Amino acid sequence: MLELQTMNTITADERRCLADKVGINEQYLYQCLTGRRDMSAIEAVRVEQETAGRVGRKMVCQGSWRSIWPELAKDEA
């Protein structure tokens, strides 16, 4: 279900603009948003900062965020 929530958060045009701003490939960003890949921690933080949290680290690191940022898992409890 996270995939649908994530993709509803950002439009295709916003995704292209965001990819340009943070210096990553738009297709890579798309794959990370849909859970097909996990973004590097550094890139994920840049994306989160650029979007003021609208696209968060959990969204682009769906498979690995718990091990990278365990403090974020406390918010789920």
C-alpha atoms as a PDB file:
ATOM      1  CA  MET A   1       0.000   0.000   0.000  1.00  0.00           C
ATOM      2  CA  LEU A   2       2.959   2.337   0.566  1.00  0.00           C
ATOM      3  CA  GLU A   3       3.614   2.363  -3.175  1.00  0.00           C
ATOM      4  CA  LEU A   4       0.197   3.897  -3.924  1.00  0.00           C
ATOM      5  CA  GLN A   5       0.559   6.467  -1.170  1.00  0.00           C
ATOM      6  CA  THR A   6       3.992   7.459  -2.407  1.00  0.00           C
ATOM      7  CA  MET A   7       3.047   7.799  -6.053  1.00  0.00           C
ATOM      8  CA  ASN A   8      -0.034   9.845  -5.135  1.00  0.00           C
ATOM      9  CA  THR A   9       2.249  12.227  -3.239  1.00  0.00           C
ATOM     10  CA  ILE A  10       4.195  13.466  -6.253  1.00  0.00           C
ATOM     11  CA  THR A  11       3.215  14.039  -9.865  1.00  0.00           C
ATOM     12  CA  ALA A  12       5.329  12.982 -12.842  1.00  0.00           C
ATOM     13  CA  ASP A  13       6.285  16.604 -13.540  1.00  0.00           C
ATOM     14  CA  GLU A  14       7.256  17.144  -9.894  1.00  0.00           C
ATOM     15  CA  ARG A  15       9.265  13.936  -9.983  1.00  0.00           C
ATOM     16  CA  ARG A  16      11.229  15.105 -13.037  1.00  0.00           C
ATOM     17  CA  CYS A  17      11.865  18.511 -11.460  1.00  0.00           C
ATOM     18  CA  LEU A  18      12.936  16.947  -8.159  1.00  0.00           C
ATOM     19  CA  ALA A  19      15.321  14.555  -9.911  1.00  0.00           C
ATOM     20  CA  ASP A  20      16.935  17.494 -11.704  1.00  0.00           C
ATOM     21  CA  LYS A  21      17.246  19.520  -8.491  1.00  0.00           C
ATOM     22  CA  VAL A  22      18.954  16.774  -6.511  1.00  0.00           C
ATOM     23  CA  GLY A  23      21.019  15.493  -9.432  1.00  0.00           C
ATOM     24  CA  ILE A  24      19.608  12.007  -9.831  1.00  0.00           C
ATOM     25  CA  ASN A  25      18.053  10.174 -12.737  1.00  0.00           C
ATOM     26  CA  GLU A  26      14.261  10.526 -12.884  1.00  0.00           C
ATOM     27  CA  GLN A  27      13.779   6.824 -13.640  1.00  0.00           C
ATOM     28  CA  TYR A  28      15.907   5.923 -10.612  1.00  0.00           C
ATOM     29  CA  LEU A  29      13.723   8.191  -8.459  1.00  0.00           C
ATOM     30  CA  TYR A  30      10.616   6.517  -9.865  1.00  0.00           C
ATOM     31  CA  GLN A  31      12.008   3.063  -9.089  1.00  0.00           C
ATOM     32  CA  CYS A  32      12.788   4.120  -5.538  1.00  0.00           C
ATOM     33  CA  LEU A  33       9.335   5.627  -5.037  1.00  0.00           C
ATOM     34  CA  THR A  34       7.673   2.431  -6.237  1.00  0.00           C
ATOM     35  CA  GLY A  35       9.822   0.211  -4.016  1.00  0.00           C
ATOM     36  CA  ARG A  36      11.725  -1.452  -6.842  1.00  0.00           C
ATOM     37  CA  ARG A  37      15.029  -0.014  -5.576  1.00  0.00           C
ATOM     38  CA  ASP A  38      16.321   1.662  -2.454  1.00  0.00           C
ATOM     39  CA  MET A  39      18.002   5.031  -2.722  1.00  0.00           C
ATOM     40  CA  SER A  40      21.323   5.687  -1.040  1.00  0.00           C
ATOM     41  CA  ALA A  41      21.024   7.273   2.390  1.00  0.00           C
ATOM     42  CA  ILE A  42      22.706  10.496   1.266  1.00  0.00           C
ATOM     43  CA  GLU A  43      20.394  10.888  -1.720  1.00  0.00           C
ATOM     44  CA  ALA A  44      17.336  10.073   0.394  1.00  0.00           C
ATOM     45  CA  VAL A  45      18.189  12.821   2.863  1.00  0.00           C
ATOM     46  CA  ARG A  46      18.685  15.299  -0.003  1.00  0.00           C
ATOM     47  CA  VAL A  47      15.290  14.373  -1.476  1.00  0.00           C
ATOM     48  CA  GLU A  48      13.607  14.737   1.900  1.00  0.00           C
ATOM     49  CA  GLN A  49      15.222  18.124   2.493  1.00  0.00           C
ATOM     50  CA  GLU A  50      14.441  19.404  -1.014  1.00  0.00           C
ATOM     51  CA  THR A  51      10.761  18.486  -0.604  1.00  0.00           C
ATOM     52  CA  ALA A  52      10.522  19.680   3.024  1.00  0.00           C
ATOM     53  CA  GLY A  53       9.552  16.153   4.038  1.00  0.00           C
ATOM     54  CA  ARG A  54       6.832  15.667   1.441  1.00  0.00           C
ATOM     55  CA  VAL A  55       8.909  12.835  -0.046  1.00  0.00           C
ATOM     56  CA  GLY A  56      10.532  11.241   2.966  1.00  0.00           C
ATOM     57  CA  ARG A  57      13.384   8.831   3.497  1.00  0.00           C
ATOM     58  CA  LYS A  58      10.929   6.010   4.207  1.00  0.00           C
ATOM     59  CA  MET A  59       9.366   6.509   0.766  1.00  0.00           C
ATOM     60  CA  VAL A  60      12.577   6.172  -1.215  1.00  0.00           C
ATOM     61  CA  CYS A  61      14.245   3.519   0.969  1.00  0.00           C
ATOM     62  CA  GLN A  62      11.278   1.245   1.512  1.00  0.00           C
ATOM     63  CA  GLY A  63      13.348  -1.892   2.031  1.00  0.00           C
ATOM     64  CA  SER A  64      16.197  -0.488   4.096  1.00  0.00           C
ATOM     65  CA  TRP A  65      15.105   2.589   6.038  1.00  0.00           C
ATOM     66  CA  ARG A  66      14.584   0.682   9.304  1.00  0.00           C
ATOM     67  CA  SER A  67      18.213  -0.448   9.374  1.00  0.00           C
ATOM     68  CA  ILE A  68      19.578   2.958   8.327  1.00  0.00           C
ATOM     69  CA  TRP A  69      17.356   5.136  10.544  1.00  0.00           C
ATOM     70  CA  PRO A  70      15.984   2.935  13.362  1.00  0.00           C
ATOM     71  CA  GLU A  71      14.799   6.047  15.194  1.00  0.00           C
ATOM     72  CA  LEU A  72      12.143   6.529  12.489  1.00  0.00           C
ATOM     73  CA  ALA A  73      10.614   3.151  13.377  1.00  0.00           C
ATOM     74  CA  LYS A  74       9.657   4.519  16.780  1.00  0.00           C
ATOM     75  CA  ASP A  75       7.142   6.788  15.017  1.00  0.00           C
ATOM     76  CA  GLU A  76       5.258   3.707  13.815  1.00  0.00           C
ATOM     77  CA  ALA A  77       4.622   2.315  17.288  1.00  0.00           C
END
